[in-house]
Amino acid sequence: MTKADLVNAVAETGLTKKQAGEVVNAVLDGITEALQQGDKVQLIGFGSFSVKTREARSGRNPKTGEVLDIAARNIPVFKPGEALKAAVN
């Protein structure tokens, strides 16, 4: 499913496609902003979004074999809720 497909699904609730697009963008922007601030976003029954810190580590360039230092970084993480897990299985 693409973002356009999601907008079309939201538009089936009676909104125009433009309004549905604004709603989808607002939800995604809200999740993004919360994660940027270090907050956790919980959607009961669906799942939760959070930020995890990946520690610095050393890696290897597969082409040259050269050892590289990989810096620490923050990554977004999604953990599905029980209802989502049950719906998929």
PDB file of N, CA and C in Angstrom:
ATOM      1  N   MET A   1       0.850  -1.172   0.000  1.00  0.00           N
ATOM      2  CA  MET A   1       0.000   0.000   0.000  1.00  0.00           C
ATOM      3  C   MET A   1       0.893   1.232   0.000  1.00  0.00           C
ATOM      4  N   THR A   2       0.589   2.150  -0.882  1.00  0.00           N
ATOM      5  CA  THR A   2       1.343   3.396  -0.957  1.00  0.00           C
ATOM      6  C   THR A   2       0.601   4.490  -0.191  1.00  0.00           C
ATOM      7  N   LYS A   3       1.247   5.627  -0.077  1.00  0.00           N
ATOM      8  CA  LYS A   3       0.614   6.762   0.593  1.00  0.00           C
ATOM      9  C   LYS A   3      -0.647   7.176  -0.155  1.00  0.00           C
ATOM     10  N   ALA A   4      -0.617   7.124  -1.496  1.00  0.00           N
ATOM     11  CA  ALA A   4      -1.795   7.468  -2.299  1.00  0.00           C
ATOM     12  C   ALA A   4      -2.936   6.489  -2.025  1.00  0.00           C
ATOM     13  N   ASP A   5      -2.622   5.218  -1.861  1.00  0.00           N
ATOM     14  CA  ASP A   5      -3.649   4.223  -1.534  1.00  0.00           C
ATOM     15  C   ASP A   5      -4.256   4.511  -0.167  1.00  0.00           C
ATOM     16  N   LEU A   6      -3.423   4.914   0.773  1.00  0.00           N
ATOM     17  CA  LEU A   6      -3.907   5.256   2.104  1.00  0.00           C
ATOM     18  C   LEU A   6      -4.816   6.476   2.053  1.00  0.00           C
ATOM     19  N   VAL A   7      -4.439   7.473   1.256  1.00  0.00           N
ATOM     20  CA  VAL A   7      -5.269   8.668   1.094  1.00  0.00           C
ATOM     21  C   VAL A   7      -6.617   8.271   0.501  1.00  0.00           C
ATOM     22  N   ASN A   8      -6.612   7.406  -0.493  1.00  0.00           N
ATOM     23  CA  ASN A   8      -7.871   6.947  -1.097  1.00  0.00           C
ATOM     24  C   ASN A   8      -8.738   6.207  -0.084  1.00  0.00           C
ATOM     25  N   ALA A   9      -8.130   5.397   0.781  1.00  0.00           N
ATOM     26  CA  ALA A   9      -8.887   4.674   1.801  1.00  0.00           C
ATOM     27  C   ALA A   9      -9.512   5.639   2.799  1.00  0.00           C
ATOM     28  N   VAL A  10      -8.777   6.669   3.182  1.00  0.00           N
ATOM     29  CA  VAL A  10      -9.315   7.670   4.107  1.00  0.00           C
ATOM     30  C   VAL A  10     -10.411   8.473   3.428  1.00  0.00           C
ATOM     31  N   ALA A  11     -10.268   8.726   2.135  1.00  0.00           N
ATOM     32  CA  ALA A  11     -11.270   9.497   1.393  1.00  0.00           C
ATOM     33  C   ALA A  11     -12.600   8.752   1.315  1.00  0.00           C
ATOM     34  N   GLU A  12     -12.582   7.434   1.450  1.00  0.00           N
ATOM     35  CA  GLU A  12     -13.820   6.658   1.413  1.00  0.00           C
ATOM     36  C   GLU A  12     -14.710   6.908   2.619  1.00  0.00           C
ATOM     37  N   THR A  13     -14.192   7.600   3.628  1.00  0.00           N
ATOM     38  CA  THR A  13     -14.992   7.912   4.813  1.00  0.00           C
ATOM     39  C   THR A  13     -15.885   9.122   4.589  1.00  0.00           C
ATOM     40  N   GLY A  14     -15.812   9.728   3.404  1.00  0.00           N
ATOM     41  CA  GLY A  14     -16.652  10.873   3.105  1.00  0.00           C
ATOM     42  C   GLY A  14     -15.888  12.160   2.907  1.00  0.00           C
ATOM     43  N   LEU A  15     -14.590  12.120   3.080  1.00  0.00           N
ATOM     44  CA  LEU A  15     -13.758  13.301   2.853  1.00  0.00           C
ATOM     45  C   LEU A  15     -13.364  13.376   1.382  1.00  0.00           C
ATOM     46  N   THR A  16     -12.995  14.565   0.956  1.00  0.00           N
ATOM     47  CA  THR A  16     -12.434  14.680  -0.388  1.00  0.00           C
ATOM     48  C   THR A  16     -11.006  14.145  -0.347  1.00  0.00           C
ATOM     49  N   LYS A  17     -10.451  13.875  -1.527  1.00  0.00           N
ATOM     50  CA  LYS A  17      -9.070  13.372  -1.557  1.00  0.00           C
ATOM     51  C   LYS A  17      -8.102  14.408  -1.004  1.00  0.00           C
ATOM     52  N   LYS A  18      -8.384  15.684  -1.254  1.00  0.00           N
ATOM     53  CA  LYS A  18      -7.511  16.743  -0.735  1.00  0.00           C
ATOM     54  C   LYS A  18      -7.552  16.752   0.789  1.00  0.00           C
ATOM     55  N   GLN A  19      -8.752  16.669   1.367  1.00  0.00           N
ATOM     56  CA  GLN A  19      -8.881  16.643   2.819  1.00  0.00           C
ATOM     57  C   GLN A  19      -8.240  15.393   3.401  1.00  0.00           C
ATOM     58  N   ALA A  20      -8.443  14.256   2.746  1.00  0.00           N
ATOM     59  CA  ALA A  20      -7.859  13.003   3.210  1.00  0.00           C
ATOM     60  C   ALA A  20      -6.336  13.080   3.167  1.00  0.00           C
ATOM     61  N   GLY A  21      -5.797  13.693   2.122  1.00  0.00           N
ATOM     62  CA  GLY A  21      -4.342  13.865   2.027  1.00  0.00           C
ATOM     63  C   GLY A  21      -3.812  14.724   3.152  1.00  0.00           C
ATOM     64  N   GLU A  22      -4.551  15.775   3.496  1.00  0.00           N
ATOM     65  CA  GLU A  22      -4.144  16.647   4.597  1.00  0.00           C
ATOM     66  C   GLU A  22      -4.176  15.898   5.925  1.00  0.00           C
ATOM     67  N   VAL A  23      -5.188  15.049   6.107  1.00  0.00           N
ATOM     68  CA  VAL A  23      -5.296  14.260   7.338  1.00  0.00           C
ATOM     69  C   VAL A  23      -4.122  13.289   7.450  1.00  0.00           C
ATOM     70  N   VAL A  24      -3.836  12.567   6.375  1.00  0.00           N
ATOM     71  CA  VAL A  24      -2.733  11.607   6.387  1.00  0.00           C
ATOM     72  C   VAL A  24      -1.419  12.333   6.648  1.00  0.00           C
ATOM     73  N   ASN A  25      -1.189  13.446   5.977  1.00  0.00           N
ATOM     74  CA  ASN A  25       0.043  14.218   6.191  1.00  0.00           C
ATOM     75  C   ASN A  25       0.142  14.728   7.624  1.00  0.00           C
ATOM     76  N   ALA A  26      -0.984  15.168   8.191  1.00  0.00           N
ATOM     77  CA  ALA A  26      -0.973  15.671   9.567  1.00  0.00           C
ATOM     78  C   ALA A  26      -0.615  14.560  10.552  1.00  0.00           C
ATOM     79  N   VAL A  27      -1.147  13.370  10.336  1.00  0.00           N
ATOM     80  CA  VAL A  27      -0.840  12.246  11.220  1.00  0.00           C
ATOM     81  C   VAL A  27       0.649  11.888  11.122  1.00  0.00           C
ATOM     82  N   LEU A  28       1.142  11.772   9.903  1.00  0.00           N
ATOM     83  CA  LEU A  28       2.547  11.419   9.710  1.00  0.00           C
ATOM     84  C   LEU A  28       3.475  12.501  10.259  1.00  0.00           C
ATOM     85  N   ASP A  29       3.120  13.762  10.052  1.00  0.00           N
ATOM     86  CA  ASP A  29       3.926  14.868  10.589  1.00  0.00           C
ATOM     87  C   ASP A  29       3.918  14.857  12.112  1.00  0.00           C
ATOM     88  N   GLY A  30       2.759  14.558  12.705  1.00  0.00           N
ATOM     89  CA  GLY A  30       2.658  14.502  14.163  1.00  0.00           C
ATOM     90  C   GLY A  30       3.534  13.400  14.746  1.00  0.00           C
ATOM     91  N   ILE A  31       3.526  12.234  14.101  1.00  0.00           N
ATOM     92  CA  ILE A  31       4.373  11.129  14.557  1.00  0.00           C
ATOM     93  C   ILE A  31       5.842  11.507  14.422  1.00  0.00           C
ATOM     94  N   THR A  32       6.191  12.105  13.282  1.00  0.00           N
ATOM     95  CA  THR A  32       7.584  12.499  13.044  1.00  0.00           C
ATOM     96  C   THR A  32       8.057  13.517  14.067  1.00  0.00           C
ATOM     97  N   GLU A  33       7.250  14.529  14.340  1.00  0.00           N
ATOM     98  CA  GLU A  33       7.632  15.561  15.302  1.00  0.00           C
ATOM     99  C   GLU A  33       7.801  14.983  16.698  1.00  0.00           C
ATOM    100  N   ALA A  34       6.910  14.087  17.093  1.00  0.00           N
ATOM    101  CA  ALA A  34       7.016  13.473  18.418  1.00  0.00           C
ATOM    102  C   ALA A  34       8.296  12.665  18.533  1.00  0.00           C
ATOM    103  N   LEU A  35       8.636  11.916  17.496  1.00  0.00           N
ATOM    104  CA  LEU A  35       9.862  11.126  17.530  1.00  0.00           C
ATOM    105  C   LEU A  35      11.093  12.014  17.540  1.00  0.00           C
ATOM    106  N   GLN A  36      11.055  13.141  16.829  1.00  0.00           N
ATOM    107  CA  GLN A  36      12.180  14.073  16.830  1.00  0.00           C
ATOM    108  C   GLN A  36      12.426  14.632  18.234  1.00  0.00           C
ATOM    109  N   GLN A  37      11.351  14.792  19.004  1.00  0.00           N
ATOM    110  CA  GLN A  37      11.472  15.311  20.370  1.00  0.00           C
ATOM    111  C   GLN A  37      11.819  14.207  21.367  1.00  0.00           C
ATOM    112  N   GLY A  38      11.923  12.975  20.891  1.00  0.00           N
ATOM    113  CA  GLY A  38      12.268  11.865  21.762  1.00  0.00           C
ATOM    114  C   GLY A  38      11.082  11.224  22.449  1.00  0.00           C
ATOM    115  N   ASP A  39       9.869  11.596  22.060  1.00  0.00           N
ATOM    116  CA  ASP A  39       8.667  11.020  22.654  1.00  0.00           C
ATOM    117  C   ASP A  39       8.337   9.681  22.012  1.00  0.00           C
ATOM    118  N   LYS A  40       7.524   8.907  22.706  1.00  0.00           N
ATOM    119  CA  LYS A  40       7.036   7.635  22.188  1.00  0.00           C
ATOM    120  C   LYS A  40       5.589   7.844  21.744  1.00  0.00           C
ATOM    121  N   VAL A  41       5.217   7.300  20.598  1.00  0.00           N
ATOM    122  CA  VAL A  41       3.859   7.427  20.078  1.00  0.00           C
ATOM    123  C   VAL A  41       3.187   6.071  20.187  1.00  0.00           C
ATOM    124  N   GLN A  42       2.097   5.993  20.973  1.00  0.00           N
ATOM    125  CA  GLN A  42       1.380   4.742  21.154  1.00  0.00           C
ATOM    126  C   GLN A  42      -0.004   4.846  20.539  1.00  0.00           C
ATOM    127  N   LEU A  43      -0.305   3.931  19.636  1.00  0.00           N
ATOM    128  CA  LEU A  43      -1.631   3.825  19.047  1.00  0.00           C
ATOM    129  C   LEU A  43      -2.200   2.494  19.533  1.00  0.00           C
ATOM    130  N   ILE A  44      -3.045   2.557  20.557  1.00  0.00           N
ATOM    131  CA  ILE A  44      -3.538   1.359  21.218  1.00  0.00           C
ATOM    132  C   ILE A  44      -4.187   0.431  20.193  1.00  0.00           C
ATOM    133  N   GLY A  45      -3.792  -0.821  20.220  1.00  0.00           N
ATOM    134  CA  GLY A  45      -4.313  -1.826  19.303  1.00  0.00           C
ATOM    135  C   GLY A  45      -3.526  -1.909  18.005  1.00  0.00           C
ATOM    136  N   PHE A  46      -2.814  -0.845  17.653  1.00  0.00           N
ATOM    137  CA  PHE A  46      -2.040  -0.851  16.411  1.00  0.00           C
ATOM    138  C   PHE A  46      -0.570  -1.091  16.693  1.00  0.00           C
ATOM    139  N   GLY A  47       0.019  -0.258  17.552  1.00  0.00           N
ATOM    140  CA  GLY A  47       1.424  -0.418  17.880  1.00  0.00           C
ATOM    141  C   GLY A  47       2.012   0.867  18.417  1.00  0.00           C
ATOM    142  N   SER A  48       3.331   0.874  18.580  1.00  0.00           N
ATOM    143  CA  SER A  48       3.991   2.064  19.113  1.00  0.00           C
ATOM    144  C   SER A  48       5.256   2.362  18.319  1.00  0.00           C
ATOM    145  N   PHE A  49       5.516   3.645  18.185  1.00  0.00           N
ATOM    146  CA  PHE A  49       6.715   4.145  17.527  1.00  0.00           C
ATOM    147  C   PHE A  49       7.611   4.730  18.602  1.00  0.00           C
ATOM    148  N   SER A  50       8.904   4.475  18.515  1.00  0.00           N
ATOM    149  CA  SER A  50       9.849   5.058  19.455  1.00  0.00           C
ATOM    150  C   SER A  50      11.183   5.254  18.752  1.00  0.00           C
ATOM    151  N   VAL A  51      12.101   5.889  19.448  1.00  0.00           N
ATOM    152  CA  VAL A  51      13.439   6.135  18.905  1.00  0.00           C
ATOM    153  C   VAL A  51      14.428   5.302  19.700  1.00  0.00           C
ATOM    154  N   LYS A  52      15.287   4.589  19.000  1.00  0.00           N
ATOM    155  CA  LYS A  52      16.305   3.750  19.622  1.00  0.00           C
ATOM    156  C   LYS A  52      17.676   4.279  19.201  1.00  0.00           C
ATOM    157  N   THR A  53      18.615   4.267  20.123  1.00  0.00           N
ATOM    158  CA  THR A  53      19.974   4.705  19.821  1.00  0.00           C
ATOM    159  C   THR A  53      20.815   3.495  19.453  1.00  0.00           C
ATOM    160  N   ARG A  54      21.405   3.554  18.286  1.00  0.00           N
ATOM    161  CA  ARG A  54      22.341   2.513  17.851  1.00  0.00           C
ATOM    162  C   ARG A  54      23.732   2.957  18.244  1.00  0.00           C
ATOM    163  N   GLU A  55      24.417   2.145  18.996  1.00  0.00           N
ATOM    164  CA  GLU A  55      25.749   2.484  19.494  1.00  0.00           C
ATOM    165  C   GLU A  55      26.759   2.551  18.347  1.00  0.00           C
ATOM    166  N   ALA A  56      27.832   3.304  18.594  1.00  0.00           N
ATOM    167  CA  ALA A  56      28.919   3.372  17.612  1.00  0.00           C
ATOM    168  C   ALA A  56      29.579   2.000  17.511  1.00  0.00           C
ATOM    169  N   ARG A  57      30.019   1.658  16.328  1.00  0.00           N
ATOM    170  CA  ARG A  57      30.649   0.355  16.135  1.00  0.00           C
ATOM    171  C   ARG A  57      31.621   0.438  14.973  1.00  0.00           C
ATOM    172  N   SER A  58      32.393  -0.598  14.804  1.00  0.00           N
ATOM    173  CA  SER A  58      33.294  -0.634  13.656  1.00  0.00           C
ATOM    174  C   SER A  58      32.722  -1.611  12.635  1.00  0.00           C
ATOM    175  N   GLY A  59      32.889  -1.268  11.374  1.00  0.00           N
ATOM    176  CA  GLY A  59      32.416  -2.104  10.285  1.00  0.00           C
ATOM    177  C   GLY A  59      33.530  -2.324   9.292  1.00  0.00           C
ATOM    178  N   ARG A  60      33.214  -2.998   8.217  1.00  0.00           N
ATOM    179  CA  ARG A  60      34.229  -3.303   7.226  1.00  0.00           C
ATOM    180  C   ARG A  60      33.653  -3.022   5.840  1.00  0.00           C
ATOM    181  N   ASN A  61      34.436  -2.330   5.009  1.00  0.00           N
ATOM    182  CA  ASN A  61      34.061  -2.098   3.619  1.00  0.00           C
ATOM    183  C   ASN A  61      34.198  -3.437   2.890  1.00  0.00           C
ATOM    184  N   PRO A  62      33.085  -3.974   2.354  1.00  0.00           N
ATOM    185  CA  PRO A  62      33.177  -5.289   1.728  1.00  0.00           C
ATOM    186  C   PRO A  62      34.038  -5.317   0.465  1.00  0.00           C
ATOM    187  N   LYS A  63      34.195  -4.184  -0.183  1.00  0.00           N
ATOM    188  CA  LYS A  63      34.980  -4.152  -1.415  1.00  0.00           C
ATOM    189  C   LYS A  63      36.482  -4.135  -1.145  1.00  0.00           C
ATOM    190  N   THR A  64      36.885  -3.306  -0.171  1.00  0.00           N
ATOM    191  CA  THR A  64      38.316  -3.159   0.089  1.00  0.00           C
ATOM    192  C   THR A  64      38.781  -3.884   1.345  1.00  0.00           C
ATOM    193  N   GLY A  65      37.846  -4.235   2.231  1.00  0.00           N
ATOM    194  CA  GLY A  65      38.233  -4.871   3.490  1.00  0.00           C
ATOM    195  C   GLY A  65      38.687  -3.874   4.535  1.00  0.00           C
ATOM    196  N   GLU A  66      38.637  -2.581   4.212  1.00  0.00           N
ATOM    197  CA  GLU A  66      39.078  -1.528   5.125  1.00  0.00           C
ATOM    198  C   GLU A  66      38.119  -1.436   6.315  1.00  0.00           C
ATOM    199  N   VAL A  67      38.674  -1.294   7.527  1.00  0.00           N
ATOM    200  CA  VAL A  67      37.878  -1.146   8.730  1.00  0.00           C
ATOM    201  C   VAL A  67      37.406   0.307   8.824  1.00  0.00           C
ATOM    202  N   LEU A  68      36.105   0.490   9.082  1.00  0.00           N
ATOM    203  CA  LEU A  68      35.508   1.818   9.177  1.00  0.00           C
ATOM    204  C   LEU A  68      34.866   1.993  10.541  1.00  0.00           C
ATOM    205  N   ASP A  69      34.880   3.221  11.035  1.00  0.00           N
ATOM    206  CA  ASP A  69      34.162   3.546  12.261  1.00  0.00           C
ATOM    207  C   ASP A  69      32.772   4.038  11.880  1.00  0.00           C
ATOM    208  N   ILE A  70      31.734   3.405  12.429  1.00  0.00           N
ATOM    209  CA  ILE A  70      30.358   3.798  12.169  1.00  0.00           C
ATOM    210  C   ILE A  70      29.871   4.550  13.400  1.00  0.00           C
ATOM    211  N   ALA A  71      29.431   5.784  13.215  1.00  0.00           N
ATOM    212  CA  ALA A  71      29.028   6.639  14.327  1.00  0.00           C
ATOM    213  C   ALA A  71      27.698   6.166  14.929  1.00  0.00           C
ATOM    214  N   ALA A  72      27.476   6.538  16.182  1.00  0.00           N
ATOM    215  CA  ALA A  72      26.204   6.266  16.846  1.00  0.00           C
ATOM    216  C   ALA A  72      25.117   7.087  16.169  1.00  0.00           C
ATOM    217  N   ARG A  73      23.906   6.546  16.155  1.00  0.00           N
ATOM    218  CA  ARG A  73      22.799   7.274  15.536  1.00  0.00           C
ATOM    219  C   ARG A  73      21.473   6.831  16.118  1.00  0.00           C
ATOM    220  N   ASN A  74      20.482   7.674  15.970  1.00  0.00           N
ATOM    221  CA  ASN A  74      19.133   7.366  16.422  1.00  0.00           C
ATOM    222  C   ASN A  74      18.337   6.820  15.244  1.00  0.00           C
ATOM    223  N   ILE A  75      17.536   5.777  15.496  1.00  0.00           N
ATOM    224  CA  ILE A  75      16.711   5.200  14.449  1.00  0.00           C
ATOM    225  C   ILE A  75      15.280   5.046  14.968  1.00  0.00           C
ATOM    226  N   PRO A  76      14.281   5.235  14.097  1.00  0.00           N
ATOM    227  CA  PRO A  76      12.902   4.999  14.514  1.00  0.00           C
ATOM    228  C   PRO A  76      12.617   3.497  14.550  1.00  0.00           C
ATOM    229  N   VAL A  77      11.805   3.094  15.530  1.00  0.00           N
ATOM    230  CA  VAL A  77      11.465   1.689  15.714  1.00  0.00           C
ATOM    231  C   VAL A  77       9.956   1.578  15.850  1.00  0.00           C
ATOM    232  N   PHE A  78       9.368   0.560  15.218  1.00  0.00           N
ATOM    233  CA  PHE A  78       7.938   0.293  15.354  1.00  0.00           C
ATOM    234  C   PHE A  78       7.749  -1.061  16.002  1.00  0.00           C
ATOM    235  N   LYS A  79       6.904  -1.106  17.029  1.00  0.00           N
ATOM    236  CA  LYS A  79       6.587  -2.366  17.688  1.00  0.00           C
ATOM    237  C   LYS A  79       5.078  -2.584  17.536  1.00  0.00           C
ATOM    238  N   PRO A  80       4.661  -3.624  16.823  1.00  0.00           N
ATOM    239  CA  PRO A  80       3.225  -3.850  16.613  1.00  0.00           C
ATOM    240  C   PRO A  80       2.502  -4.223  17.899  1.00  0.00           C
ATOM    241  N   GLY A  81       1.239  -3.803  17.982  1.00  0.00           N
ATOM    242  CA  GLY A  81       0.404  -4.134  19.123  1.00  0.00           C
ATOM    243  C   GLY A  81      -0.209  -5.516  18.966  1.00  0.00           C
ATOM    244  N   GLU A  82      -0.818  -6.000  20.028  1.00  0.00           N
ATOM    245  CA  GLU A  82      -1.398  -7.344  20.011  1.00  0.00           C
ATOM    246  C   GLU A  82      -2.511  -7.482  18.981  1.00  0.00           C
ATOM    247  N   ALA A  83      -3.349  -6.463  18.840  1.00  0.00           N
ATOM    248  CA  ALA A  83      -4.457  -6.542  17.884  1.00  0.00           C
ATOM    249  C   ALA A  83      -3.934  -6.611  16.449  1.00  0.00           C
ATOM    250  N   LEU A  84      -2.893  -5.880  16.137  1.00  0.00           N
ATOM    251  CA  LEU A  84      -2.305  -5.922  14.804  1.00  0.00           C
ATOM    252  C   LEU A  84      -1.670  -7.286  14.551  1.00  0.00           C
ATOM    253  N   LYS A  85      -0.969  -7.812  15.538  1.00  0.00           N
ATOM    254  CA  LYS A  85      -0.368  -9.129  15.391  1.00  0.00           C
ATOM    255  C   LYS A  85      -1.434 -10.191  15.125  1.00  0.00           C
ATOM    256  N   ALA A  86      -2.534 -10.108  15.861  1.00  0.00           N
ATOM    257  CA  ALA A  86      -3.612 -11.088  15.709  1.00  0.00           C
ATOM    258  C   ALA A  86      -4.293 -10.955  14.351  1.00  0.00           C
ATOM    259  N   ALA A  87      -4.426  -9.732  13.862  1.00  0.00           N
ATOM    260  CA  ALA A  87      -5.087  -9.509  12.569  1.00  0.00           C
ATOM    261  C   ALA A  87      -4.251 -10.028  11.420  1.00  0.00           C
ATOM    262  N   VAL A  88      -2.943  -9.979  11.558  1.00  0.00           N
ATOM    263  CA  VAL A  88      -2.052 -10.413  10.473  1.00  0.00           C
ATOM    264  C   VAL A  88      -1.936 -11.933  10.455  1.00  0.00           C
ATOM    265  N   ASN A  89      -1.977 -12.563  11.600  1.00  0.00           N
ATOM    266  CA  ASN A  89      -1.843 -14.026  11.666  1.00  0.00           C
ATOM    267  C   ASN A  89      -3.100 -14.730  11.307  1.00  0.00           C
TER     268      ASN A  89
END
